[in-house]
Amino acid sequence: GDGGTRPLGIPTVADRIAQEVVRRNLEPRLEPVFHADSY
């Protein structure tokens, strides 16, 4: 919105699936630890 750009790094479909496998396993362990005011 300020006229600049934000760089994104787009993984391949296979890499996104692989990342989702790890996220599904790791997130349940991290979620109870996160601060109440982190949204």
PDB file of all heavy atoms in Angstrom:
ATOM      1  N   GLY A   1       0.796  -1.223   0.000  1.00  0.00           N
ATOM      2  CA  GLY A   1       0.000   0.000   0.000  1.00  0.00           C
ATOM      3  C   GLY A   1       0.828   1.272   0.000  1.00  0.00           C
ATOM      4  O   GLY A   1       0.357   2.328  -0.426  1.00  0.00           O
ATOM      5  N   ASP A   2       2.087   1.193   0.492  1.00  0.00           N
ATOM      6  CA  ASP A   2       2.922   2.391   0.556  1.00  0.00           C
ATOM      7  C   ASP A   2       3.713   2.633  -0.724  1.00  0.00           C
ATOM      8  O   ASP A   2       4.581   3.506  -0.773  1.00  0.00           O
ATOM      9  CB  ASP A   2       3.883   2.298   1.752  1.00  0.00           C
ATOM     10  CG  ASP A   2       4.795   1.076   1.684  1.00  0.00           C
ATOM     11  OD1 ASP A   2       4.766   0.366   0.654  1.00  0.00           O
ATOM     12  OD2 ASP A   2       5.528   0.833   2.663  1.00  0.00           O
ATOM     13  N   GLY A   3       3.429   1.850  -1.760  1.00  0.00           N
ATOM     14  CA  GLY A   3       4.113   2.021  -3.034  1.00  0.00           C
ATOM     15  C   GLY A   3       5.286   1.070  -3.238  1.00  0.00           C
ATOM     16  O   GLY A   3       5.793   0.949  -4.357  1.00  0.00           O
ATOM     17  N   GLY A   4       5.735   0.408  -2.185  1.00  0.00           N
ATOM     18  CA  GLY A   4       6.811  -0.557  -2.308  1.00  0.00           C
ATOM     19  C   GLY A   4       6.288  -1.923  -2.703  1.00  0.00           C
ATOM     20  O   GLY A   4       5.140  -2.076  -3.124  1.00  0.00           O
ATOM     21  N   THR A   5       7.154  -2.916  -2.568  1.00  0.00           N
ATOM     22  CA  THR A   5       6.761  -4.286  -2.880  1.00  0.00           C
ATOM     23  C   THR A   5       7.144  -5.210  -1.728  1.00  0.00           C
ATOM     24  O   THR A   5       8.056  -4.914  -0.957  1.00  0.00           O
ATOM     25  CB  THR A   5       7.426  -4.796  -4.176  1.00  0.00           C
ATOM     26  OG1 THR A   5       8.851  -4.749  -4.031  1.00  0.00           O
ATOM     27  CG2 THR A   5       6.997  -3.957  -5.368  1.00  0.00           C
ATOM     28  N   ARG A   6       6.436  -6.315  -1.631  1.00  0.00           N
ATOM     29  CA  ARG A   6       6.747  -7.341  -0.638  1.00  0.00           C
ATOM     30  C   ARG A   6       7.174  -8.598  -1.380  1.00  0.00           C
ATOM     31  O   ARG A   6       6.416  -9.131  -2.189  1.00  0.00           O
ATOM     32  CB  ARG A   6       5.543  -7.630   0.239  1.00  0.00           C
ATOM     33  CG  ARG A   6       5.774  -8.771   1.242  1.00  0.00           C
ATOM     34  CD  ARG A   6       4.563  -9.045   2.104  1.00  0.00           C
ATOM     35  NE  ARG A   6       4.344  -7.973   3.063  1.00  0.00           N
ATOM     36  CZ  ARG A   6       3.349  -7.111   3.004  1.00  0.00           C
ATOM     37  NH1 ARG A   6       2.464  -7.191   2.024  1.00  0.00           N
ATOM     38  NH2 ARG A   6       3.215  -6.177   3.911  1.00  0.00           N
ATOM     39  N   PRO A   7       8.390  -9.101  -1.131  1.00  0.00           N
ATOM     40  CA  PRO A   7       8.842 -10.297  -1.842  1.00  0.00           C
ATOM     41  C   PRO A   7       8.233 -11.569  -1.257  1.00  0.00           C
ATOM     42  O   PRO A   7       8.264 -11.782  -0.048  1.00  0.00           O
ATOM     43  CB  PRO A   7      10.362 -10.271  -1.634  1.00  0.00           C
ATOM     44  CG  PRO A   7      10.552  -9.550  -0.330  1.00  0.00           C
ATOM     45  CD  PRO A   7       9.434  -8.542  -0.251  1.00  0.00           C
ATOM     46  N   LEU A   8       7.672 -12.385  -2.125  1.00  0.00           N
ATOM     47  CA  LEU A   8       7.190 -13.709  -1.732  1.00  0.00           C
ATOM     48  C   LEU A   8       8.111 -14.770  -2.327  1.00  0.00           C
ATOM     49  O   LEU A   8       8.674 -14.570  -3.402  1.00  0.00           O
ATOM     50  CB  LEU A   8       5.762 -13.942  -2.219  1.00  0.00           C
ATOM     51  CG  LEU A   8       4.655 -13.033  -1.695  1.00  0.00           C
ATOM     52  CD1 LEU A   8       3.300 -13.514  -2.202  1.00  0.00           C
ATOM     53  CD2 LEU A   8       4.659 -12.973  -0.176  1.00  0.00           C
ATOM     54  N   GLY A   9       8.246 -15.876  -1.611  1.00  0.00           N
ATOM     55  CA  GLY A   9       8.986 -17.018  -2.125  1.00  0.00           C
ATOM     56  C   GLY A   9       8.030 -18.187  -2.287  1.00  0.00           C
ATOM     57  O   GLY A   9       7.605 -18.770  -1.291  1.00  0.00           O
ATOM     58  N   ILE A  10       7.652 -18.517  -3.507  1.00  0.00           N
ATOM     59  CA  ILE A  10       6.632 -19.532  -3.766  1.00  0.00           C
ATOM     60  C   ILE A  10       7.290 -20.899  -3.948  1.00  0.00           C
ATOM     61  O   ILE A  10       8.020 -21.120  -4.918  1.00  0.00           O
ATOM     62  CB  ILE A  10       5.817 -19.180  -5.034  1.00  0.00           C
ATOM     63  CG1 ILE A  10       5.287 -17.733  -4.970  1.00  0.00           C
ATOM     64  CG2 ILE A  10       4.683 -20.178  -5.208  1.00  0.00           C
ATOM     65  CD1 ILE A  10       4.374 -17.472  -3.804  1.00  0.00           C
ATOM     66  N   PRO A  11       7.042 -21.852  -3.040  1.00  0.00           N
ATOM     67  CA  PRO A  11       7.582 -23.203  -3.227  1.00  0.00           C
ATOM     68  C   PRO A  11       6.782 -23.959  -4.283  1.00  0.00           C
ATOM     69  O   PRO A  11       5.666 -23.583  -4.641  1.00  0.00           O
ATOM     70  CB  PRO A  11       7.395 -23.853  -1.842  1.00  0.00           C
ATOM     71  CG  PRO A  11       6.972 -22.752  -0.911  1.00  0.00           C
ATOM     72  CD  PRO A  11       6.320 -21.714  -1.761  1.00  0.00           C
ATOM     73  N   THR A  12       7.347 -25.060  -4.767  1.00  0.00           N
ATOM     74  CA  THR A  12       6.616 -25.929  -5.680  1.00  0.00           C
ATOM     75  C   THR A  12       5.471 -26.603  -4.928  1.00  0.00           C
ATOM     76  O   THR A  12       5.422 -26.599  -3.696  1.00  0.00           O
ATOM     77  CB  THR A  12       7.536 -27.010  -6.267  1.00  0.00           C
ATOM     78  OG1 THR A  12       7.983 -27.863  -5.192  1.00  0.00           O
ATOM     79  CG2 THR A  12       8.745 -26.390  -6.968  1.00  0.00           C
ATOM     80  N   VAL A  13       4.544 -27.195  -5.669  1.00  0.00           N
ATOM     81  CA  VAL A  13       3.419 -27.892  -5.047  1.00  0.00           C
ATOM     82  C   VAL A  13       3.926 -29.011  -4.137  1.00  0.00           C
ATOM     83  O   VAL A  13       3.470 -29.176  -3.001  1.00  0.00           O
ATOM     84  CB  VAL A  13       2.469 -28.457  -6.121  1.00  0.00           C
ATOM     85  CG1 VAL A  13       1.389 -29.321  -5.469  1.00  0.00           C
ATOM     86  CG2 VAL A  13       1.829 -27.330  -6.927  1.00  0.00           C
ATOM     87  N   ALA A  14       4.891 -29.811  -4.631  1.00  0.00           N
ATOM     88  CA  ALA A  14       5.434 -30.910  -3.825  1.00  0.00           C
ATOM     89  C   ALA A  14       6.070 -30.385  -2.541  1.00  0.00           C
ATOM     90  O   ALA A  14       5.898 -30.978  -1.458  1.00  0.00           O
ATOM     91  CB  ALA A  14       6.456 -31.703  -4.639  1.00  0.00           C
ATOM     92  N   ASP A  15       6.780 -29.267  -2.623  1.00  0.00           N
ATOM     93  CA  ASP A  15       7.411 -28.705  -1.429  1.00  0.00           C
ATOM     94  C   ASP A  15       6.368 -28.165  -0.457  1.00  0.00           C
ATOM     95  O   ASP A  15       6.548 -28.254   0.776  1.00  0.00           O
ATOM     96  CB  ASP A  15       8.394 -27.598  -1.823  1.00  0.00           C
ATOM     97  CG  ASP A  15       9.639 -28.145  -2.511  1.00  0.00           C
ATOM     98  OD1 ASP A  15       9.919 -29.343  -2.335  1.00  0.00           O
ATOM     99  OD2 ASP A  15      10.318 -27.376  -3.227  1.00  0.00           O
ATOM    100  N   ARG A  16       5.281 -27.614  -0.979  1.00  0.00           N
ATOM    101  CA  ARG A  16       4.224 -27.134  -0.091  1.00  0.00           C
ATOM    102  C   ARG A  16       3.583 -28.304   0.664  1.00  0.00           C
ATOM    103  O   ARG A  16       3.251 -28.184   1.849  1.00  0.00           O
ATOM    104  CB  ARG A  16       3.164 -26.353  -0.886  1.00  0.00           C
ATOM    105  CG  ARG A  16       3.702 -25.065  -1.506  1.00  0.00           C
ATOM    106  CD  ARG A  16       2.626 -24.024  -1.711  1.00  0.00           C
ATOM    107  NE  ARG A  16       1.610 -24.387  -2.663  1.00  0.00           N
ATOM    108  CZ  ARG A  16       1.678 -24.167  -3.990  1.00  0.00           C
ATOM    109  NH1 ARG A  16       2.774 -23.616  -4.509  1.00  0.00           N
ATOM    110  NH2 ARG A  16       0.688 -24.485  -4.790  1.00  0.00           N
ATOM    111  N   ILE A  17       3.404 -29.425  -0.021  1.00  0.00           N
ATOM    112  CA  ILE A  17       2.839 -30.607   0.644  1.00  0.00           C
ATOM    113  C   ILE A  17       3.794 -31.104   1.724  1.00  0.00           C
ATOM    114  O   ILE A  17       3.378 -31.425   2.843  1.00  0.00           O
ATOM    115  CB  ILE A  17       2.545 -31.711  -0.392  1.00  0.00           C
ATOM    116  CG1 ILE A  17       1.471 -31.243  -1.381  1.00  0.00           C
ATOM    117  CG2 ILE A  17       2.096 -32.994   0.307  1.00  0.00           C
ATOM    118  CD1 ILE A  17       1.312 -32.147  -2.590  1.00  0.00           C
ATOM    119  N   ALA A  18       5.074 -31.160   1.397  1.00  0.00           N
ATOM    120  CA  ALA A  18       6.065 -31.601   2.381  1.00  0.00           C
ATOM    121  C   ALA A  18       6.081 -30.680   3.602  1.00  0.00           C
ATOM    122  O   ALA A  18       6.138 -31.145   4.752  1.00  0.00           O
ATOM    123  CB  ALA A  18       7.453 -31.655   1.733  1.00  0.00           C
ATOM    124  N   GLN A  19       6.017 -29.381   3.373  1.00  0.00           N
ATOM    125  CA  GLN A  19       5.980 -28.432   4.487  1.00  0.00           C
ATOM    126  C   GLN A  19       4.724 -28.619   5.326  1.00  0.00           C
ATOM    127  O   GLN A  19       4.758 -28.500   6.560  1.00  0.00           O
ATOM    128  CB  GLN A  19       6.072 -27.004   3.961  1.00  0.00           C
ATOM    129  CG  GLN A  19       7.428 -26.644   3.397  1.00  0.00           C
ATOM    130  CD  GLN A  19       7.533 -25.175   3.023  1.00  0.00           C
ATOM    131  OE1 GLN A  19       6.788 -24.333   3.514  1.00  0.00           O
ATOM    132  NE2 GLN A  19       8.468 -24.851   2.142  1.00  0.00           N
ATOM    133  N   GLU A  20       3.620 -28.917   4.666  1.00  0.00           N
ATOM    134  CA  GLU A  20       2.370 -29.130   5.401  1.00  0.00           C
ATOM    135  C   GLU A  20       2.455 -30.384   6.273  1.00  0.00           C
ATOM    136  O   GLU A  20       1.887 -30.411   7.375  1.00  0.00           O
ATOM    137  CB  GLU A  20       1.203 -29.232   4.420  1.00  0.00           C
ATOM    138  CG  GLU A  20      -0.148 -29.531   5.055  1.00  0.00           C
ATOM    139  CD  GLU A  20      -0.640 -28.465   6.019  1.00  0.00           C
ATOM    140  OE1 GLU A  20      -0.136 -27.326   5.967  1.00  0.00           O
ATOM    141  OE2 GLU A  20      -1.528 -28.782   6.835  1.00  0.00           O
ATOM    142  N   VAL A  21       3.169 -31.409   5.820  1.00  0.00           N
ATOM    143  CA  VAL A  21       3.362 -32.608   6.645  1.00  0.00           C
ATOM    144  C   VAL A  21       4.055 -32.232   7.949  1.00  0.00           C
ATOM    145  O   VAL A  21       3.642 -32.653   9.042  1.00  0.00           O
ATOM    146  CB  VAL A  21       4.184 -33.670   5.875  1.00  0.00           C
ATOM    147  CG1 VAL A  21       4.572 -34.821   6.809  1.00  0.00           C
ATOM    148  CG2 VAL A  21       3.401 -34.208   4.688  1.00  0.00           C
ATOM    149  N   VAL A  22       5.107 -31.431   7.862  1.00  0.00           N
ATOM    150  CA  VAL A  22       5.832 -31.011   9.063  1.00  0.00           C
ATOM    151  C   VAL A  22       4.976 -30.075   9.910  1.00  0.00           C
ATOM    152  O   VAL A  22       4.926 -30.202  11.138  1.00  0.00           O
ATOM    153  CB  VAL A  22       7.166 -30.348   8.671  1.00  0.00           C
ATOM    154  CG1 VAL A  22       7.855 -29.772   9.912  1.00  0.00           C
ATOM    155  CG2 VAL A  22       8.075 -31.351   7.980  1.00  0.00           C
ATOM    156  N   ARG A  23       4.296 -29.148   9.264  1.00  0.00           N
ATOM    157  CA  ARG A  23       3.468 -28.206  10.029  1.00  0.00           C
ATOM    158  C   ARG A  23       2.404 -28.947  10.834  1.00  0.00           C
ATOM    159  O   ARG A  23       2.155 -28.621  12.003  1.00  0.00           O
ATOM    160  CB  ARG A  23       2.804 -27.206   9.077  1.00  0.00           C
ATOM    161  CG  ARG A  23       2.111 -26.042   9.790  1.00  0.00           C
ATOM    162  CD  ARG A  23       1.051 -25.404   8.916  1.00  0.00           C
ATOM    163  NE  ARG A  23      -0.045 -26.327   8.644  1.00  0.00           N
ATOM    164  CZ  ARG A  23      -1.037 -26.579   9.498  1.00  0.00           C
ATOM    165  NH1 ARG A  23      -1.080 -26.018  10.689  1.00  0.00           N
ATOM    166  NH2 ARG A  23      -1.991 -27.439   9.160  1.00  0.00           N
ATOM    167  N   ARG A  24       1.766 -29.942  10.225  1.00  0.00           N
ATOM    168  CA  ARG A  24       0.718 -30.704  10.912  1.00  0.00           C
ATOM    169  C   ARG A  24       1.258 -31.425  12.146  1.00  0.00           C
ATOM    170  O   ARG A  24       0.538 -31.604  13.126  1.00  0.00           O
ATOM    171  CB  ARG A  24       0.106 -31.733   9.954  1.00  0.00           C
ATOM    172  CG  ARG A  24      -0.841 -31.166   8.924  1.00  0.00           C
ATOM    173  CD  ARG A  24      -1.187 -32.203   7.858  1.00  0.00           C
ATOM    174  NE  ARG A  24      -1.627 -33.462   8.439  1.00  0.00           N
ATOM    175  CZ  ARG A  24      -2.875 -33.711   8.837  1.00  0.00           C
ATOM    176  NH1 ARG A  24      -3.797 -32.772   8.695  1.00  0.00           N
ATOM    177  NH2 ARG A  24      -3.205 -34.878   9.360  1.00  0.00           N
ATOM    178  N   ASN A  25       2.502 -31.839  12.093  1.00  0.00           N
ATOM    179  CA  ASN A  25       3.095 -32.541  13.225  1.00  0.00           C
ATOM    180  C   ASN A  25       3.628 -31.592  14.289  1.00  0.00           C
ATOM    181  O   ASN A  25       3.563 -31.889  15.486  1.00  0.00           O
ATOM    182  CB  ASN A  25       4.232 -33.450  12.736  1.00  0.00           C
ATOM    183  CG  ASN A  25       3.728 -34.752  12.136  1.00  0.00           C
ATOM    184  OD1 ASN A  25       3.531 -35.734  12.835  1.00  0.00           O
ATOM    185  ND2 ASN A  25       3.484 -34.752  10.833  1.00  0.00           N
ATOM    186  N   LEU A  26       4.150 -30.446  13.867  1.00  0.00           N
ATOM    187  CA  LEU A  26       4.799 -29.533  14.801  1.00  0.00           C
ATOM    188  C   LEU A  26       3.828 -28.583  15.484  1.00  0.00           C
ATOM    189  O   LEU A  26       3.979 -28.274  16.679  1.00  0.00           O
ATOM    190  CB  LEU A  26       5.885 -28.739  14.056  1.00  0.00           C
ATOM    191  CG  LEU A  26       6.788 -27.832  14.891  1.00  0.00           C
ATOM    192  CD1 LEU A  26       7.514 -28.622  15.970  1.00  0.00           C
ATOM    193  CD2 LEU A  26       7.778 -27.105  13.977  1.00  0.00           C
ATOM    194  N   GLU A  27       2.818 -28.108  14.761  1.00  0.00           N
ATOM    195  CA  GLU A  27       1.919 -27.090  15.314  1.00  0.00           C
ATOM    196  C   GLU A  27       1.223 -27.515  16.608  1.00  0.00           C
ATOM    197  O   GLU A  27       1.131 -26.704  17.549  1.00  0.00           O
ATOM    198  CB  GLU A  27       0.888 -26.675  14.273  1.00  0.00           C
ATOM    199  CG  GLU A  27      -0.004 -25.529  14.736  1.00  0.00           C
ATOM    200  CD  GLU A  27      -1.008 -25.126  13.679  1.00  0.00           C
ATOM    201  OE1 GLU A  27      -1.937 -25.905  13.404  1.00  0.00           O
ATOM    202  OE2 GLU A  27      -0.851 -24.025  13.110  1.00  0.00           O
ATOM    203  N   PRO A  28       0.715 -28.752  16.733  1.00  0.00           N
ATOM    204  CA  PRO A  28       0.051 -29.126  17.996  1.00  0.00           C
ATOM    205  C   PRO A  28       0.964 -29.035  19.218  1.00  0.00           C
ATOM    206  O   PRO A  28       0.483 -28.855  20.338  1.00  0.00           O
ATOM    207  CB  PRO A  28      -0.391 -30.577  17.744  1.00  0.00           C
ATOM    208  CG  PRO A  28      -0.512 -30.682  16.260  1.00  0.00           C
ATOM    209  CD  PRO A  28       0.582 -29.825  15.722  1.00  0.00           C
ATOM    210  N   ARG A  29       2.284 -29.152  19.010  1.00  0.00           N
ATOM    211  CA  ARG A  29       3.210 -29.024  20.128  1.00  0.00           C
ATOM    212  C   ARG A  29       3.513 -27.565  20.458  1.00  0.00           C
ATOM    213  O   ARG A  29       3.803 -27.235  21.601  1.00  0.00           O
ATOM    214  CB  ARG A  29       4.517 -29.767  19.816  1.00  0.00           C
ATOM    215  CG  ARG A  29       4.461 -31.261  20.107  1.00  0.00           C
ATOM    216  CD  ARG A  29       5.659 -31.975  19.518  1.00  0.00           C
ATOM    217  NE  ARG A  29       5.392 -32.388  18.140  1.00  0.00           N
ATOM    218  CZ  ARG A  29       6.333 -32.675  17.256  1.00  0.00           C
ATOM    219  NH1 ARG A  29       7.604 -32.578  17.593  1.00  0.00           N
ATOM    220  NH2 ARG A  29       6.009 -33.059  16.047  1.00  0.00           N
ATOM    221  N   LEU A  30       3.452 -26.709  19.461  1.00  0.00           N
ATOM    222  CA  LEU A  30       3.756 -25.298  19.676  1.00  0.00           C
ATOM    223  C   LEU A  30       2.552 -24.501  20.155  1.00  0.00           C
ATOM    224  O   LEU A  30       2.693 -23.562  20.949  1.00  0.00           O
ATOM    225  CB  LEU A  30       4.294 -24.674  18.386  1.00  0.00           C
ATOM    226  CG  LEU A  30       5.618 -25.214  17.858  1.00  0.00           C
ATOM    227  CD1 LEU A  30       6.025 -24.466  16.590  1.00  0.00           C
ATOM    228  CD2 LEU A  30       6.711 -25.104  18.905  1.00  0.00           C
ATOM    229  N   GLU A  31       1.378 -24.849  19.670  1.00  0.00           N
ATOM    230  CA  GLU A  31       0.182 -24.048  19.943  1.00  0.00           C
ATOM    231  C   GLU A  31      -0.066 -23.836  21.438  1.00  0.00           C
ATOM    232  O   GLU A  31      -0.349 -22.699  21.857  1.00  0.00           O
ATOM    233  CB  GLU A  31      -1.030 -24.691  19.266  1.00  0.00           C
ATOM    234  CG  GLU A  31      -2.341 -23.952  19.465  1.00  0.00           C
ATOM    235  CD  GLU A  31      -2.300 -22.510  18.981  1.00  0.00           C
ATOM    236  OE1 GLU A  31      -1.533 -22.210  18.049  1.00  0.00           O
ATOM    237  OE2 GLU A  31      -3.029 -21.686  19.563  1.00  0.00           O
ATOM    238  N   PRO A  32       0.030 -24.857  22.312  1.00  0.00           N
ATOM    239  CA  PRO A  32      -0.213 -24.612  23.740  1.00  0.00           C
ATOM    240  C   PRO A  32       0.841 -23.724  24.394  1.00  0.00           C
ATOM    241  O   PRO A  32       0.601 -23.167  25.463  1.00  0.00           O
ATOM    242  CB  PRO A  32      -0.172 -26.030  24.350  1.00  0.00           C
ATOM    243  CG  PRO A  32      -0.359 -26.962  23.214  1.00  0.00           C
ATOM    244  CD  PRO A  32       0.253 -26.288  22.028  1.00  0.00           C
ATOM    245  N   VAL A  33       1.987 -23.584  23.747  1.00  0.00           N
ATOM    246  CA  VAL A  33       3.092 -22.806  24.314  1.00  0.00           C
ATOM    247  C   VAL A  33       2.949 -21.319  23.998  1.00  0.00           C
ATOM    248  O   VAL A  33       3.393 -20.462  24.771  1.00  0.00           O
ATOM    249  CB  VAL A  33       4.443 -23.344  23.776  1.00  0.00           C
ATOM    250  CG1 VAL A  33       5.607 -22.494  24.248  1.00  0.00           C
ATOM    251  CG2 VAL A  33       4.624 -24.794  24.169  1.00  0.00           C
ATOM    252  N   PHE A  34       2.342 -20.985  22.873  1.00  0.00           N
ATOM    253  CA  PHE A  34       2.282 -19.601  22.410  1.00  0.00           C
ATOM    254  C   PHE A  34       1.529 -18.705  23.391  1.00  0.00           C
ATOM    255  O   PHE A  34       0.625 -19.150  24.098  1.00  0.00           O
ATOM    256  CB  PHE A  34       1.632 -19.521  21.025  1.00  0.00           C
ATOM    257  CG  PHE A  34       2.541 -19.973  19.901  1.00  0.00           C
ATOM    258  CD1 PHE A  34       2.005 -20.519  18.747  1.00  0.00           C
ATOM    259  CD2 PHE A  34       3.911 -19.849  19.987  1.00  0.00           C
ATOM    260  CE1 PHE A  34       2.822 -20.933  17.696  1.00  0.00           C
ATOM    261  CE2 PHE A  34       4.741 -20.259  18.953  1.00  0.00           C
ATOM    262  CZ  PHE A  34       4.198 -20.798  17.813  1.00  0.00           C
ATOM    263  N   HIS A  35       1.890 -17.445  23.370  1.00  0.00           N
ATOM    264  CA  HIS A  35       1.340 -16.441  24.278  1.00  0.00           C
ATOM    265  C   HIS A  35      -0.125 -16.154  23.954  1.00  0.00           C
ATOM    266  O   HIS A  35      -0.537 -16.190  22.790  1.00  0.00           O
ATOM    267  CB  HIS A  35       2.169 -15.156  24.168  1.00  0.00           C
ATOM    268  CG  HIS A  35       1.962 -14.180  25.273  1.00  0.00           C
ATOM    269  ND1 HIS A  35       0.869 -13.347  25.341  1.00  0.00           N
ATOM    270  CD2 HIS A  35       2.720 -13.906  26.369  1.00  0.00           C
ATOM    271  CE1 HIS A  35       0.961 -12.583  26.414  1.00  0.00           C
ATOM    272  NE2 HIS A  35       2.072 -12.901  27.060  1.00  0.00           N
ATOM    273  N   ALA A  36      -0.889 -15.831  24.978  1.00  0.00           N
ATOM    274  CA  ALA A  36      -2.326 -15.557  24.794  1.00  0.00           C
ATOM    275  C   ALA A  36      -2.569 -14.339  23.912  1.00  0.00           C
ATOM    276  O   ALA A  36      -3.617 -14.228  23.269  1.00  0.00           O
ATOM    277  CB  ALA A  36      -2.992 -15.362  26.154  1.00  0.00           C
ATOM    278  N   ASP A  37      -1.620 -13.410  23.861  1.00  0.00           N
ATOM    279  CA  ASP A  37      -1.799 -12.197  23.062  1.00  0.00           C
ATOM    280  C   ASP A  37      -1.093 -12.271  21.714  1.00  0.00           C
ATOM    281  O   ASP A  37      -0.865 -11.246  21.069  1.00  0.00           O
ATOM    282  CB  ASP A  37      -1.322 -10.976  23.843  1.00  0.00           C
ATOM    283  CG  ASP A  37      -2.329 -10.560  24.907  1.00  0.00           C
ATOM    284  OD1 ASP A  37      -3.531 -10.529  24.605  1.00  0.00           O
ATOM    285  OD2 ASP A  37      -1.918 -10.280  26.046  1.00  0.00           O
ATOM    286  N   SER A  38      -0.755 -13.469  21.277  1.00  0.00           N
ATOM    287  CA  SER A  38      -0.266 -13.713  19.923  1.00  0.00           C
ATOM    288  C   SER A  38      -1.436 -14.237  19.095  1.00  0.00           C
ATOM    289  O   SER A  38      -2.036 -15.253  19.439  1.00  0.00           O
ATOM    290  CB  SER A  38       0.877 -14.731  19.949  1.00  0.00           C
ATOM    291  OG  SER A  38       1.191 -15.162  18.642  1.00  0.00           O
ATOM    292  N   TYR A  39      -1.766 -13.548  18.003  1.00  0.00           N
ATOM    293  CA  TYR A  39      -2.987 -13.859  17.249  1.00  0.00           C
ATOM    294  C   TYR A  39      -2.743 -14.359  15.829  1.00  0.00           C
ATOM    295  O   TYR A  39      -3.629 -14.972  15.235  1.00  0.00           O
ATOM    296  CB  TYR A  39      -3.876 -12.610  17.177  1.00  0.00           C
ATOM    297  CG  TYR A  39      -4.422 -12.172  18.505  1.00  0.00           C
ATOM    298  CD1 TYR A  39      -3.710 -11.294  19.320  1.00  0.00           C
ATOM    299  CD2 TYR A  39      -5.650 -12.639  18.966  1.00  0.00           C
ATOM    300  CE1 TYR A  39      -4.208 -10.889  20.548  1.00  0.00           C
ATOM    301  CE2 TYR A  39      -6.154 -12.240  20.192  1.00  0.00           C
ATOM    302  CZ  TYR A  39      -5.430 -11.364  20.982  1.00  0.00           C
ATOM    303  OH  TYR A  39      -5.925 -10.970  22.206  1.00  0.00           O
TER     304      TYR A  39
END
